[in-house]
Amino acid sequence: MEYLIGAVLGVAVGVFARLSEFDRDRAFYPTVMIVIASYYSLFAVMGASRDSTLGIEIAIGLVFSVFAVLGFKKNMWLVAAAIAGHGVFDFFVHHALVTNPGMPVWWPGFCGTIDIVLGGWLAICLWRAPTERQQGKS
């Protein structure tokens, strides 16, 4: 069920961004990426982690945040790749790197799905958009 909800919400966020015209601002999707990257740190705090969990989650979040900033500054395709890449990370990598006691069991499936759908949505928007918008010239 988390996959279905993630897919529906991924499309809903993309449609909302388009209809509200929030996505006309280059900062929208990079900001979304930074927020997405912060959730695991939030879960570590909620789980009252006393080991290195919070530090690992912060470091991972910083990597994705750096891609968001680089994408904002240089090329929005980096942002699309980071958002979708975070979904792949949710599905295949996160559990191998860290055990986060505050993370809900359903979270990786939900977050992975919404990330892949939203990253794909952004990629489609970029593919259809003028080159200037992709490369930070507008």
C-alpha atoms as a PDB file:
ATOM      1  CA  MET A   1       0.000   0.000   0.000  1.00  0.00           C
ATOM      2  CA  GLU A   2       2.907   2.361   0.702  1.00  0.00           C
ATOM      3  CA  TYR A   3       3.974   2.008  -2.935  1.00  0.00           C
ATOM      4  CA  LEU A   4       0.571   3.021  -4.269  1.00  0.00           C
ATOM      5  CA  ILE A   5       0.326   5.975  -1.893  1.00  0.00           C
ATOM      6  CA  GLY A   6       3.879   7.043  -2.785  1.00  0.00           C
ATOM      7  CA  ALA A   7       3.134   6.880  -6.508  1.00  0.00           C
ATOM      8  CA  VAL A   8      -0.101   8.848  -6.171  1.00  0.00           C
ATOM      9  CA  LEU A   9       1.551  11.495  -3.991  1.00  0.00           C
ATOM     10  CA  GLY A  10       4.534  11.759  -6.330  1.00  0.00           C
ATOM     11  CA  VAL A  11       2.225  12.575  -9.229  1.00  0.00           C
ATOM     12  CA  ALA A  12       0.125  14.859  -7.000  1.00  0.00           C
ATOM     13  CA  VAL A  13       3.172  16.893  -5.942  1.00  0.00           C
ATOM     14  CA  GLY A  14       4.275  17.264  -9.569  1.00  0.00           C
ATOM     15  CA  VAL A  15       0.796  18.280 -10.742  1.00  0.00           C
ATOM     16  CA  PHE A  16       0.403  20.682  -7.814  1.00  0.00           C
ATOM     17  CA  ALA A  17       3.800  22.257  -8.564  1.00  0.00           C
ATOM     18  CA  ARG A  18       2.832  22.692 -12.201  1.00  0.00           C
ATOM     19  CA  LEU A  19      -0.689  24.059 -11.581  1.00  0.00           C
ATOM     20  CA  SER A  20       0.388  26.402  -8.790  1.00  0.00           C
ATOM     21  CA  GLU A  21       3.396  27.433 -10.900  1.00  0.00           C
ATOM     22  CA  PHE A  22       5.716  26.850  -7.940  1.00  0.00           C
ATOM     23  CA  ASP A  23       7.912  24.872 -10.319  1.00  0.00           C
ATOM     24  CA  ARG A  24       8.555  28.022 -12.373  1.00  0.00           C
ATOM     25  CA  ASP A  25      11.097  28.911  -9.699  1.00  0.00           C
ATOM     26  CA  ARG A  26      14.304  26.916 -10.148  1.00  0.00           C
ATOM     27  CA  ALA A  27      14.604  26.612  -6.377  1.00  0.00           C
ATOM     28  CA  PHE A  28      11.446  24.522  -5.974  1.00  0.00           C
ATOM     29  CA  TYR A  29      12.739  21.013  -6.755  1.00  0.00           C
ATOM     30  CA  PRO A  30      16.167  21.563  -5.152  1.00  0.00           C
ATOM     31  CA  THR A  31      14.359  22.651  -1.982  1.00  0.00           C
ATOM     32  CA  VAL A  32      12.148  19.563  -2.164  1.00  0.00           C
ATOM     33  CA  MET A  33      15.327  17.442  -2.486  1.00  0.00           C
ATOM     34  CA  ILE A  34      16.832  19.022   0.621  1.00  0.00           C
ATOM     35  CA  VAL A  35      13.636  18.384   2.590  1.00  0.00           C
ATOM     36  CA  ILE A  36      13.530  14.782   1.378  1.00  0.00           C
ATOM     37  CA  ALA A  37      17.150  14.333   2.459  1.00  0.00           C
ATOM     38  CA  SER A  38      16.383  15.578   5.978  1.00  0.00           C
ATOM     39  CA  TYR A  39      13.701  13.031   6.899  1.00  0.00           C
ATOM     40  CA  TYR A  40      16.072  10.241   7.923  1.00  0.00           C
ATOM     41  CA  SER A  41      17.834  12.631  10.319  1.00  0.00           C
ATOM     42  CA  LEU A  42      14.443  13.519  11.775  1.00  0.00           C
ATOM     43  CA  PHE A  43      13.697   9.825  12.276  1.00  0.00           C
ATOM     44  CA  ALA A  44      17.046   9.345  14.021  1.00  0.00           C
ATOM     45  CA  VAL A  45      16.199  12.151  16.446  1.00  0.00           C
ATOM     46  CA  MET A  46      12.695  10.751  16.989  1.00  0.00           C
ATOM     47  CA  GLY A  47      14.179   7.315  17.682  1.00  0.00           C
ATOM     48  CA  ALA A  48      16.488   8.845  20.292  1.00  0.00           C
ATOM     49  CA  SER A  49      19.497   7.246  18.620  1.00  0.00           C
ATOM     50  CA  ARG A  50      22.479   7.270  20.942  1.00  0.00           C
ATOM     51  CA  ASP A  51      24.941   5.711  18.538  1.00  0.00           C
ATOM     52  CA  SER A  52      26.296   7.019  15.245  1.00  0.00           C
ATOM     53  CA  THR A  53      22.904   6.818  13.479  1.00  0.00           C
ATOM     54  CA  LEU A  54      22.240  10.559  13.531  1.00  0.00           C
ATOM     55  CA  GLY A  55      25.716  11.378  12.229  1.00  0.00           C
ATOM     56  CA  ILE A  56      25.425   8.876   9.393  1.00  0.00           C
ATOM     57  CA  GLU A  57      21.966  10.169   8.453  1.00  0.00           C
ATOM     58  CA  ILE A  58      23.202  13.770   8.479  1.00  0.00           C
ATOM     59  CA  ALA A  59      26.180  12.846   6.269  1.00  0.00           C
ATOM     60  CA  ILE A  60      23.954  11.031   3.775  1.00  0.00           C
ATOM     61  CA  GLY A  61      21.508  13.930   3.765  1.00  0.00           C
ATOM     62  CA  LEU A  62      24.348  16.351   3.082  1.00  0.00           C
ATOM     63  CA  VAL A  63      25.415  14.374   0.007  1.00  0.00           C
ATOM     64  CA  PHE A  64      21.931  14.641  -1.486  1.00  0.00           C
ATOM     65  CA  SER A  65      21.710  18.306  -0.456  1.00  0.00           C
ATOM     66  CA  VAL A  66      24.980  19.047  -2.256  1.00  0.00           C
ATOM     67  CA  PHE A  67      23.525  17.532  -5.440  1.00  0.00           C
ATOM     68  CA  ALA A  68      20.461  19.751  -4.976  1.00  0.00           C
ATOM     69  CA  VAL A  69      22.612  22.879  -4.709  1.00  0.00           C
ATOM     70  CA  LEU A  70      24.868  21.875  -7.611  1.00  0.00           C
ATOM     71  CA  GLY A  71      21.818  21.123  -9.718  1.00  0.00           C
ATOM     72  CA  PHE A  72      20.295  24.480  -8.846  1.00  0.00           C
ATOM     73  CA  LYS A  73      23.508  26.292  -9.766  1.00  0.00           C
ATOM     74  CA  LYS A  74      24.580  24.286 -12.819  1.00  0.00           C
ATOM     75  CA  ASN A  75      21.990  21.950 -14.322  1.00  0.00           C
ATOM     76  CA  MET A  76      18.581  20.836 -13.088  1.00  0.00           C
ATOM     77  CA  TRP A  77      19.162  17.340 -14.452  1.00  0.00           C
ATOM     78  CA  LEU A  78      21.349  16.796 -11.365  1.00  0.00           C
ATOM     79  CA  VAL A  79      18.324  17.550  -9.189  1.00  0.00           C
ATOM     80  CA  ALA A  80      16.136  15.079 -11.097  1.00  0.00           C
ATOM     81  CA  ALA A  81      18.867  12.458 -10.760  1.00  0.00           C
ATOM     82  CA  ALA A  82      19.285  13.207  -7.045  1.00  0.00           C
ATOM     83  CA  ILE A  83      15.565  12.891  -6.316  1.00  0.00           C
ATOM     84  CA  ALA A  84      15.220   9.635  -8.261  1.00  0.00           C
ATOM     85  CA  GLY A  85      18.576   8.471  -6.894  1.00  0.00           C
ATOM     86  CA  HIS A  86      17.314   9.014  -3.376  1.00  0.00           C
ATOM     87  CA  GLY A  87      14.467   6.637  -4.196  1.00  0.00           C
ATOM     88  CA  VAL A  88      16.924   3.996  -5.383  1.00  0.00           C
ATOM     89  CA  PHE A  89      18.937   4.647  -2.222  1.00  0.00           C
ATOM     90  CA  ASP A  90      15.784   4.102  -0.121  1.00  0.00           C
ATOM     91  CA  PHE A  91      15.088   0.746  -1.759  1.00  0.00           C
ATOM     92  CA  PHE A  92      18.553  -0.757  -2.040  1.00  0.00           C
ATOM     93  CA  VAL A  93      21.187   0.995   0.073  1.00  0.00           C
ATOM     94  CA  HIS A  94      19.895   2.708   3.215  1.00  0.00           C
ATOM     95  CA  HIS A  95      19.147  -0.468   5.185  1.00  0.00           C
ATOM     96  CA  ALA A  96      22.669  -1.763   4.476  1.00  0.00           C
ATOM     97  CA  LEU A  97      24.325   1.387   5.860  1.00  0.00           C
ATOM     98  CA  VAL A  98      22.339   2.240   8.963  1.00  0.00           C
ATOM     99  CA  THR A  99      19.667   0.966  11.298  1.00  0.00           C
ATOM    100  CA  ASN A 100      17.411   3.860  12.211  1.00  0.00           C
ATOM    101  CA  PRO A 101      15.064   3.029  15.130  1.00  0.00           C
ATOM    102  CA  GLY A 102      12.841   6.047  14.490  1.00  0.00           C
ATOM    103  CA  MET A 103      12.094   5.166  10.875  1.00  0.00           C
ATOM    104  CA  PRO A 104       8.660   3.630  10.237  1.00  0.00           C
ATOM    105  CA  VAL A 105       8.799   0.163   8.660  1.00  0.00           C
ATOM    106  CA  TRP A 106       6.812   1.353   5.640  1.00  0.00           C
ATOM    107  CA  TRP A 107       8.982   4.432   5.009  1.00  0.00           C
ATOM    108  CA  PRO A 108      11.559   3.059   2.534  1.00  0.00           C
ATOM    109  CA  GLY A 109       8.829   1.784   0.183  1.00  0.00           C
ATOM    110  CA  PHE A 110       6.796   4.971   0.441  1.00  0.00           C
ATOM    111  CA  CYS A 111       9.711   7.381   0.158  1.00  0.00           C
ATOM    112  CA  GLY A 112      11.462   5.347  -2.528  1.00  0.00           C
ATOM    113  CA  THR A 113       8.343   5.303  -4.667  1.00  0.00           C
ATOM    114  CA  ILE A 114       7.511   8.979  -4.288  1.00  0.00           C
ATOM    115  CA  ASP A 115      11.146   9.919  -4.997  1.00  0.00           C
ATOM    116  CA  ILE A 116      11.372   7.865  -8.179  1.00  0.00           C
ATOM    117  CA  VAL A 117       8.023   9.161  -9.435  1.00  0.00           C
ATOM    118  CA  LEU A 118       8.874  12.785  -8.602  1.00  0.00           C
ATOM    119  CA  GLY A 119      12.386  12.505 -10.056  1.00  0.00           C
ATOM    120  CA  GLY A 120      10.842  11.040 -13.222  1.00  0.00           C
ATOM    121  CA  TRP A 121       8.273  13.831 -13.309  1.00  0.00           C
ATOM    122  CA  LEU A 122      11.015  16.447 -13.092  1.00  0.00           C
ATOM    123  CA  ALA A 123      13.000  14.658 -15.807  1.00  0.00           C
ATOM    124  CA  ILE A 124       9.972  14.752 -18.123  1.00  0.00           C
ATOM    125  CA  CYS A 125       9.464  18.458 -17.370  1.00  0.00           C
ATOM    126  CA  LEU A 126      13.142  19.165 -18.102  1.00  0.00           C
ATOM    127  CA  TRP A 127      13.073  17.154 -21.297  1.00  0.00           C
ATOM    128  CA  ARG A 128      10.158  19.262 -22.509  1.00  0.00           C
ATOM    129  CA  ALA A 129      11.593  22.570 -21.207  1.00  0.00           C
ATOM    130  CA  PRO A 130      13.871  25.047 -22.943  1.00  0.00           C
ATOM    131  CA  THR A 131      17.587  24.452 -22.389  1.00  0.00           C
ATOM    132  CA  GLU A 132      18.045  27.807 -20.633  1.00  0.00           C
ATOM    133  CA  ARG A 133      15.860  26.690 -17.710  1.00  0.00           C
ATOM    134  CA  GLN A 134      17.783  23.437 -17.300  1.00  0.00           C
ATOM    135  CA  GLN A 135      21.157  25.156 -17.102  1.00  0.00           C
ATOM    136  CA  GLY A 136      20.321  28.010 -14.766  1.00  0.00           C
ATOM    137  CA  LYS A 137      20.023  30.771 -17.336  1.00  0.00           C
ATOM    138  CA  SER A 138      16.531  31.934 -16.411  1.00  0.00           C
END
